[in-house]
Amino acid sequence: MEEVKISTKYQVVIPKEVRRSLNLQPGQKMVAIVKDGVIHLIPNKEITELKGFLKGINVENIREEKERF
């Protein structure tokens, strides 16, 4: 696990090993999602690049529970 620091401009640097493993490029856009107090940064990729992206993912607790009347 890598530790990052928030700058005075609220910027963070993604560690080199993380950038390499995800093949992130300068200027690439990311989607920020907050769930249960955790920030998830998801690379915004073309739909054609996503084939097989979620293979083997744990799908438990992905959706928030809604009250049923």
N, C-alpha and C. Protein backbone atom coordinates (compact mmCIF):
# COMPACT_ATOMS: atom_id res chain seq x y z
N MET A 1 0.85 -1.16 0.00
CA MET A 1 0.00 0.00 0.00
C MET A 1 0.91 1.23 0.00
N GLU A 2 0.58 2.16 -0.85
CA GLU A 2 1.35 3.40 -0.97
C GLU A 2 0.61 4.53 -0.26
N GLU A 3 1.36 5.41 0.36
CA GLU A 3 0.77 6.57 1.02
C GLU A 3 0.96 7.79 0.14
N VAL A 4 -0.07 8.63 0.04
CA VAL A 4 0.02 9.86 -0.74
C VAL A 4 -0.34 11.03 0.16
N LYS A 5 0.07 12.22 -0.24
CA LYS A 5 -0.16 13.43 0.53
C LYS A 5 -1.00 14.39 -0.30
N ILE A 6 -1.96 15.05 0.33
CA ILE A 6 -2.79 16.05 -0.35
C ILE A 6 -2.05 17.38 -0.30
N SER A 7 -1.87 18.01 -1.46
CA SER A 7 -1.19 19.31 -1.53
C SER A 7 -2.13 20.42 -1.09
N THR A 8 -1.61 21.63 -1.01
CA THR A 8 -2.44 22.77 -0.63
C THR A 8 -3.49 23.07 -1.68
N LYS A 9 -3.30 22.54 -2.91
CA LYS A 9 -4.29 22.70 -3.98
C LYS A 9 -5.19 21.46 -4.10
N TYR A 10 -5.17 20.62 -3.07
CA TYR A 10 -5.98 19.39 -3.02
C TYR A 10 -5.61 18.41 -4.13
N GLN A 11 -4.36 18.37 -4.51
CA GLN A 11 -3.88 17.44 -5.52
C GLN A 11 -3.12 16.30 -4.85
N VAL A 12 -3.18 15.12 -5.48
CA VAL A 12 -2.39 13.98 -5.01
C VAL A 12 -1.60 13.42 -6.19
N VAL A 13 -0.46 12.82 -5.90
CA VAL A 13 0.35 12.18 -6.93
C VAL A 13 0.11 10.68 -6.82
N ILE A 14 -0.28 10.05 -7.93
CA ILE A 14 -0.49 8.61 -7.95
C ILE A 14 0.89 7.96 -8.01
N PRO A 15 1.19 7.06 -7.07
CA PRO A 15 2.52 6.44 -7.03
C PRO A 15 2.88 5.75 -8.35
N LYS A 16 4.18 5.74 -8.66
CA LYS A 16 4.70 5.22 -9.92
C LYS A 16 4.26 3.78 -10.19
N GLU A 17 4.33 2.92 -9.19
CA GLU A 17 3.96 1.52 -9.39
C GLU A 17 2.47 1.38 -9.73
N VAL A 18 1.64 2.21 -9.13
CA VAL A 18 0.20 2.18 -9.42
C VAL A 18 -0.03 2.66 -10.85
N ARG A 19 0.65 3.76 -11.24
CA ARG A 19 0.51 4.27 -12.61
C ARG A 19 0.93 3.22 -13.62
N ARG A 20 2.03 2.56 -13.35
CA ARG A 20 2.53 1.51 -14.28
C ARG A 20 1.56 0.35 -14.37
N SER A 21 1.07 -0.13 -13.22
CA SER A 21 0.20 -1.32 -13.24
C SER A 21 -1.11 -1.06 -13.96
N LEU A 22 -1.59 0.20 -13.93
CA LEU A 22 -2.85 0.54 -14.61
C LEU A 22 -2.63 1.21 -15.96
N ASN A 23 -1.37 1.40 -16.33
CA ASN A 23 -1.02 2.05 -17.60
C ASN A 23 -1.69 3.42 -17.71
N LEU A 24 -1.59 4.21 -16.64
CA LEU A 24 -2.17 5.55 -16.63
C LEU A 24 -1.27 6.50 -17.40
N GLN A 25 -1.88 7.45 -18.11
CA GLN A 25 -1.15 8.40 -18.93
C GLN A 25 -1.44 9.82 -18.47
N PRO A 26 -0.48 10.75 -18.63
CA PRO A 26 -0.73 12.14 -18.26
C PRO A 26 -1.93 12.69 -19.03
N GLY A 27 -2.79 13.42 -18.34
CA GLY A 27 -3.97 14.00 -18.97
C GLY A 27 -5.16 13.06 -19.03
N GLN A 28 -4.97 11.79 -18.67
CA GLN A 28 -6.07 10.83 -18.70
C GLN A 28 -7.09 11.20 -17.63
N LYS A 29 -8.35 11.08 -17.96
CA LYS A 29 -9.42 11.41 -17.02
C LYS A 29 -9.75 10.20 -16.16
N MET A 30 -10.19 10.51 -14.92
CA MET A 30 -10.58 9.46 -13.98
C MET A 30 -11.93 9.84 -13.39
N VAL A 31 -12.68 8.86 -12.98
CA VAL A 31 -13.96 9.07 -12.32
C VAL A 31 -13.72 8.89 -10.82
N ALA A 32 -14.19 9.82 -10.00
CA ALA A 32 -14.05 9.73 -8.55
C ALA A 32 -15.40 9.35 -7.94
N ILE A 33 -15.40 8.26 -7.19
CA ILE A 33 -16.62 7.78 -6.53
C ILE A 33 -16.32 7.65 -5.04
N VAL A 34 -17.21 8.15 -4.20
CA VAL A 34 -17.07 8.02 -2.76
C VAL A 34 -18.11 7.03 -2.26
N LYS A 35 -17.67 6.00 -1.53
CA LYS A 35 -18.59 5.03 -0.97
C LYS A 35 -18.06 4.60 0.39
N ASP A 36 -18.88 4.70 1.39
CA ASP A 36 -18.52 4.31 2.75
C ASP A 36 -17.23 4.97 3.22
N GLY A 37 -17.04 6.25 2.89
CA GLY A 37 -15.88 6.99 3.34
C GLY A 37 -14.59 6.67 2.61
N VAL A 38 -14.68 5.97 1.48
CA VAL A 38 -13.51 5.61 0.68
C VAL A 38 -13.63 6.25 -0.69
N ILE A 39 -12.53 6.85 -1.16
CA ILE A 39 -12.50 7.44 -2.51
C ILE A 39 -11.98 6.38 -3.48
N HIS A 40 -12.74 6.12 -4.53
CA HIS A 40 -12.32 5.20 -5.58
C HIS A 40 -12.04 6.03 -6.83
N LEU A 41 -10.84 5.94 -7.38
CA LEU A 41 -10.51 6.61 -8.63
C LEU A 41 -10.48 5.55 -9.72
N ILE A 42 -11.35 5.72 -10.70
CA ILE A 42 -11.49 4.72 -11.76
C ILE A 42 -11.08 5.35 -13.08
N PRO A 43 -10.09 4.75 -13.77
CA PRO A 43 -9.68 5.31 -15.06
C PRO A 43 -10.85 5.33 -16.04
N ASN A 44 -11.04 6.47 -16.69
CA ASN A 44 -12.08 6.62 -17.69
C ASN A 44 -11.51 6.13 -19.02
N LYS A 45 -11.97 4.99 -19.47
CA LYS A 45 -11.43 4.38 -20.70
C LYS A 45 -12.52 4.24 -21.75
N GLU A 46 -12.08 4.07 -22.98
CA GLU A 46 -13.02 3.81 -24.06
C GLU A 46 -13.74 2.49 -23.79
N ILE A 47 -14.99 2.38 -24.19
CA ILE A 47 -15.79 1.18 -23.93
C ILE A 47 -15.14 -0.07 -24.54
N THR A 48 -14.45 0.08 -25.66
CA THR A 48 -13.81 -1.08 -26.30
C THR A 48 -12.64 -1.60 -25.48
N GLU A 49 -12.05 -0.75 -24.64
CA GLU A 49 -10.93 -1.18 -23.81
C GLU A 49 -11.38 -1.92 -22.56
N LEU A 50 -12.67 -1.89 -22.25
CA LEU A 50 -13.17 -2.47 -21.01
C LEU A 50 -13.53 -3.95 -21.10
N LYS A 51 -13.41 -4.56 -22.26
CA LYS A 51 -13.75 -5.98 -22.40
C LYS A 51 -12.90 -6.81 -21.43
N GLY A 52 -13.57 -7.55 -20.55
CA GLY A 52 -12.90 -8.39 -19.58
C GLY A 52 -12.37 -7.65 -18.36
N PHE A 53 -12.63 -6.35 -18.26
CA PHE A 53 -12.12 -5.51 -17.17
C PHE A 53 -12.58 -5.99 -15.79
N LEU A 54 -13.80 -6.47 -15.69
CA LEU A 54 -14.36 -6.86 -14.40
C LEU A 54 -14.33 -8.36 -14.14
N LYS A 55 -13.63 -9.10 -14.94
CA LYS A 55 -13.55 -10.55 -14.77
C LYS A 55 -13.01 -10.89 -13.37
N GLY A 56 -13.77 -11.68 -12.64
CA GLY A 56 -13.35 -12.12 -11.32
C GLY A 56 -13.58 -11.12 -10.19
N ILE A 57 -14.27 -10.04 -10.47
CA ILE A 57 -14.51 -9.03 -9.43
C ILE A 57 -15.51 -9.56 -8.39
N ASN A 58 -15.32 -9.17 -7.15
CA ASN A 58 -16.24 -9.51 -6.07
C ASN A 58 -17.42 -8.54 -6.15
N VAL A 59 -18.61 -9.03 -6.42
CA VAL A 59 -19.78 -8.18 -6.62
C VAL A 59 -20.63 -8.02 -5.37
N GLU A 60 -20.16 -8.54 -4.25
CA GLU A 60 -20.92 -8.38 -3.01
C GLU A 60 -20.85 -6.93 -2.55
N ASN A 61 -21.95 -6.43 -2.05
CA ASN A 61 -22.05 -5.08 -1.48
C ASN A 61 -21.75 -3.96 -2.47
N ILE A 62 -21.97 -4.17 -3.75
CA ILE A 62 -21.75 -3.12 -4.73
C ILE A 62 -22.90 -2.12 -4.70
N ARG A 63 -24.09 -2.61 -4.60
CA ARG A 63 -25.26 -1.72 -4.57
C ARG A 63 -25.63 -1.39 -3.14
N GLU A 64 -26.05 -0.16 -2.96
CA GLU A 64 -26.49 0.25 -1.63
C GLU A 64 -27.88 -0.30 -1.38
N GLU A 65 -28.11 -0.70 -0.15
CA GLU A 65 -29.42 -1.23 0.23
C GLU A 65 -30.45 -0.11 0.26
N LYS A 66 -31.61 -0.37 -0.28
CA LYS A 66 -32.70 0.62 -0.26
C LYS A 66 -33.82 0.08 0.62
N GLU A 67 -34.49 1.00 1.28
CA GLU A 67 -35.63 0.61 2.09
C GLU A 67 -36.78 0.22 1.20
N ARG A 68 -37.43 -0.86 1.56
CA ARG A 68 -38.61 -1.29 0.80
C ARG A 68 -39.85 -1.06 1.66
N PHE A 69 -40.84 -0.51 1.04
CA PHE A 69 -42.06 -0.18 1.78
C PHE A 69 -43.07 -1.26 1.65
